[in-house]
């Protein structure tokens, strides 16, 4: 089950969170190759974030997945989620940081 957790200093009161959830769920599902009904997205706004010494719009996100992560997937996640945040929340891609973690890295994947 991939999980995308997004924290931003942008106030979400005027944002269309349903559109953000739909776009990010679809992106994570298609890029990682897992069904949408297994993708979890958490979105938290108005978080105290300073990036580059100022509090202009910025975001931190983390993707955790059981498999499906490689260098190309990471690049695509960064580009696609960055584009979504720019379009939906006006967070410039240069003020967005994504951490990606594969819980199965370095060990055999369970057949369960």
C-alpha atoms as a PDB file:
ATOM      1  CA  UNK A   1       0.000   0.000   0.000  1.00  0.00           C
ATOM      2  CA  UNK A   2       1.723   3.218  -1.109  1.00  0.00           C
ATOM      3  CA  UNK A   3       1.201   6.190   1.155  1.00  0.00           C
ATOM      4  CA  UNK A   4       1.822   9.818   0.179  1.00  0.00           C
ATOM      5  CA  UNK A   5       1.993  12.289   3.043  1.00  0.00           C
ATOM      6  CA  UNK A   6       2.067  15.967   2.046  1.00  0.00           C
ATOM      7  CA  UNK A   7       2.745  18.830   4.458  1.00  0.00           C
ATOM      8  CA  UNK A   8       2.599  22.410   3.237  1.00  0.00           C
ATOM      9  CA  UNK A   9       2.613  25.879   4.715  1.00  0.00           C
ATOM     10  CA  UNK A  10      -0.214  26.835   2.344  1.00  0.00           C
ATOM     11  CA  UNK A  11      -3.635  27.391   3.932  1.00  0.00           C
ATOM     12  CA  UNK A  12      -5.941  24.751   2.437  1.00  0.00           C
ATOM     13  CA  UNK A  13      -9.156  26.626   3.242  1.00  0.00           C
ATOM     14  CA  UNK A  14      -9.531  27.854  -0.353  1.00  0.00           C
ATOM     15  CA  UNK A  15      -7.973  24.826  -2.014  1.00  0.00           C
ATOM     16  CA  UNK A  16      -9.863  22.074  -3.814  1.00  0.00           C
ATOM     17  CA  UNK A  17      -8.590  19.198  -1.695  1.00  0.00           C
ATOM     18  CA  UNK A  18     -10.728  16.655  -3.579  1.00  0.00           C
ATOM     19  CA  UNK A  19      -8.880  17.550  -6.802  1.00  0.00           C
ATOM     20  CA  UNK A  20      -5.518  17.259  -5.022  1.00  0.00           C
ATOM     21  CA  UNK A  21      -6.447  13.842  -3.609  1.00  0.00           C
ATOM     22  CA  UNK A  22      -7.664  12.635  -7.018  1.00  0.00           C
ATOM     23  CA  UNK A  23      -4.595  13.871  -8.916  1.00  0.00           C
ATOM     24  CA  UNK A  24      -2.034  12.578  -6.417  1.00  0.00           C
ATOM     25  CA  UNK A  25      -3.772   9.213  -5.966  1.00  0.00           C
ATOM     26  CA  UNK A  26      -3.841   8.687  -9.725  1.00  0.00           C
ATOM     27  CA  UNK A  27      -0.196   9.773 -10.095  1.00  0.00           C
ATOM     28  CA  UNK A  28       1.142   7.535  -7.318  1.00  0.00           C
ATOM     29  CA  UNK A  29      -0.890   4.581  -8.573  1.00  0.00           C
ATOM     30  CA  UNK A  30       0.224   4.872 -12.185  1.00  0.00           C
ATOM     31  CA  UNK A  31       3.881   5.661 -11.454  1.00  0.00           C
ATOM     32  CA  UNK A  32       4.444   2.988  -8.797  1.00  0.00           C
ATOM     33  CA  UNK A  33       2.177   0.461 -10.493  1.00  0.00           C
ATOM     34  CA  UNK A  34      -0.203  -0.239  -7.625  1.00  0.00           C
ATOM     35  CA  UNK A  35      -4.029  -0.093  -7.804  1.00  0.00           C
ATOM     36  CA  UNK A  36      -5.604   3.252  -6.811  1.00  0.00           C
ATOM     37  CA  UNK A  37      -7.682   1.558  -4.110  1.00  0.00           C
ATOM     38  CA  UNK A  38      -4.404   0.731  -2.293  1.00  0.00           C
ATOM     39  CA  UNK A  39      -3.032   4.296  -2.379  1.00  0.00           C
ATOM     40  CA  UNK A  40      -3.375   6.458   0.733  1.00  0.00           C
ATOM     41  CA  UNK A  41      -2.891  10.234   0.571  1.00  0.00           C
ATOM     42  CA  UNK A  42      -2.647  12.509   3.610  1.00  0.00           C
ATOM     43  CA  UNK A  43      -2.676  16.282   3.133  1.00  0.00           C
ATOM     44  CA  UNK A  44      -1.885  18.725   5.907  1.00  0.00           C
ATOM     45  CA  UNK A  45      -1.911  22.489   5.380  1.00  0.00           C
ATOM     46  CA  UNK A  46      -0.862  25.541   7.391  1.00  0.00           C
ATOM     47  CA  UNK A  47       2.220  23.718   8.678  1.00  0.00           C
ATOM     48  CA  UNK A  48       5.053  25.922   9.939  1.00  0.00           C
ATOM     49  CA  UNK A  49       7.634  25.434   7.172  1.00  0.00           C
ATOM     50  CA  UNK A  50      10.659  27.555   6.376  1.00  0.00           C
ATOM     51  CA  UNK A  51      12.476  26.745   3.143  1.00  0.00           C
ATOM     52  CA  UNK A  52      15.587  28.677   2.169  1.00  0.00           C
ATOM     53  CA  UNK A  53      15.154  30.936   5.159  1.00  0.00           C
ATOM     54  CA  UNK A  54      11.682  32.213   4.247  1.00  0.00           C
ATOM     55  CA  UNK A  55       8.062  31.156   4.583  1.00  0.00           C
ATOM     56  CA  UNK A  56       6.918  31.509   0.979  1.00  0.00           C
ATOM     57  CA  UNK A  57       4.742  28.586  -0.235  1.00  0.00           C
ATOM     58  CA  UNK A  58       6.633  25.318   0.211  1.00  0.00           C
ATOM     59  CA  UNK A  59       5.887  21.638   0.721  1.00  0.00           C
ATOM     60  CA  UNK A  60       7.468  18.463   2.064  1.00  0.00           C
ATOM     61  CA  UNK A  61       6.125  15.092   1.001  1.00  0.00           C
ATOM     62  CA  UNK A  62       6.999  11.500   1.716  1.00  0.00           C
ATOM     63  CA  UNK A  63       6.101   8.396  -0.273  1.00  0.00           C
ATOM     64  CA  UNK A  64       6.327   5.049   1.485  1.00  0.00           C
ATOM     65  CA  UNK A  65       5.697   1.928  -0.577  1.00  0.00           C
ATOM     66  CA  UNK A  66       6.123  -1.810  -0.296  1.00  0.00           C
ATOM     67  CA  UNK A  67       8.017  -2.297  -3.560  1.00  0.00           C
ATOM     68  CA  UNK A  68       7.729  -0.537  -6.895  1.00  0.00           C
ATOM     69  CA  UNK A  69      10.442   2.066  -6.190  1.00  0.00           C
ATOM     70  CA  UNK A  70      13.536   2.630  -8.321  1.00  0.00           C
ATOM     71  CA  UNK A  71      15.473   5.672  -9.566  1.00  0.00           C
ATOM     72  CA  UNK A  72      13.162   6.314 -12.518  1.00  0.00           C
ATOM     73  CA  UNK A  73      10.065   6.016 -10.311  1.00  0.00           C
ATOM     74  CA  UNK A  74      11.587   8.523  -7.882  1.00  0.00           C
ATOM     75  CA  UNK A  75      12.268  11.006 -10.704  1.00  0.00           C
ATOM     76  CA  UNK A  76       8.729  10.648 -12.043  1.00  0.00           C
ATOM     77  CA  UNK A  77       7.176  11.026  -8.578  1.00  0.00           C
ATOM     78  CA  UNK A  78       9.165  14.212  -7.912  1.00  0.00           C
ATOM     79  CA  UNK A  79       8.224  15.746 -11.276  1.00  0.00           C
ATOM     80  CA  UNK A  80       4.566  14.746 -11.209  1.00  0.00           C
ATOM     81  CA  UNK A  81       3.768  15.547  -7.579  1.00  0.00           C
ATOM     82  CA  UNK A  82       5.724  18.790  -7.936  1.00  0.00           C
ATOM     83  CA  UNK A  83       3.571  19.737 -10.938  1.00  0.00           C
ATOM     84  CA  UNK A  84       0.368  18.928  -9.055  1.00  0.00           C
ATOM     85  CA  UNK A  85       1.431  21.066  -6.080  1.00  0.00           C
ATOM     86  CA  UNK A  86       2.350  23.939  -8.394  1.00  0.00           C
ATOM     87  CA  UNK A  87      -0.988  23.764 -10.211  1.00  0.00           C
ATOM     88  CA  UNK A  88      -3.244  23.183  -7.191  1.00  0.00           C
ATOM     89  CA  UNK A  89      -1.434  25.057  -4.373  1.00  0.00           C
ATOM     90  CA  UNK A  90       0.990  27.431  -6.160  1.00  0.00           C
ATOM     91  CA  UNK A  91       4.004  25.729  -4.564  1.00  0.00           C
ATOM     92  CA  UNK A  92       6.973  26.228  -6.920  1.00  0.00           C
ATOM     93  CA  UNK A  93       8.785  22.952  -7.762  1.00  0.00           C
ATOM     94  CA  UNK A  94      12.021  24.453  -6.409  1.00  0.00           C
ATOM     95  CA  UNK A  95      10.309  24.772  -2.991  1.00  0.00           C
ATOM     96  CA  UNK A  96       9.137  21.157  -2.837  1.00  0.00           C
ATOM     97  CA  UNK A  97      11.066  18.273  -1.285  1.00  0.00           C
ATOM     98  CA  UNK A  98      10.076  14.613  -1.674  1.00  0.00           C
ATOM     99  CA  UNK A  99      11.396  11.752   0.424  1.00  0.00           C
ATOM    100  CA  UNK A 100      10.816   8.264  -1.032  1.00  0.00           C
ATOM    101  CA  UNK A 101      11.107   5.064   0.968  1.00  0.00           C
ATOM    102  CA  UNK A 102      10.688   1.471  -0.203  1.00  0.00           C
ATOM    103  CA  UNK A 103       9.981  -0.710   2.835  1.00  0.00           C
ATOM    104  CA  UNK A 104      11.199  -3.802   0.974  1.00  0.00           C
ATOM    105  CA  UNK A 105      14.564  -2.391  -0.128  1.00  0.00           C
ATOM    106  CA  UNK A 106      17.378  -4.806   0.618  1.00  0.00           C
ATOM    107  CA  UNK A 107      15.220  -7.784   1.535  1.00  0.00           C
ATOM    108  CA  UNK A 108      13.072 -10.350  -0.259  1.00  0.00           C
ATOM    109  CA  UNK A 109       9.476  -9.340  -0.977  1.00  0.00           C
ATOM    110  CA  UNK A 110       6.864 -11.410   0.862  1.00  0.00           C
ATOM    111  CA  UNK A 111       4.512 -13.495  -1.306  1.00  0.00           C
ATOM    112  CA  UNK A 112       1.571 -12.792   1.042  1.00  0.00           C
END
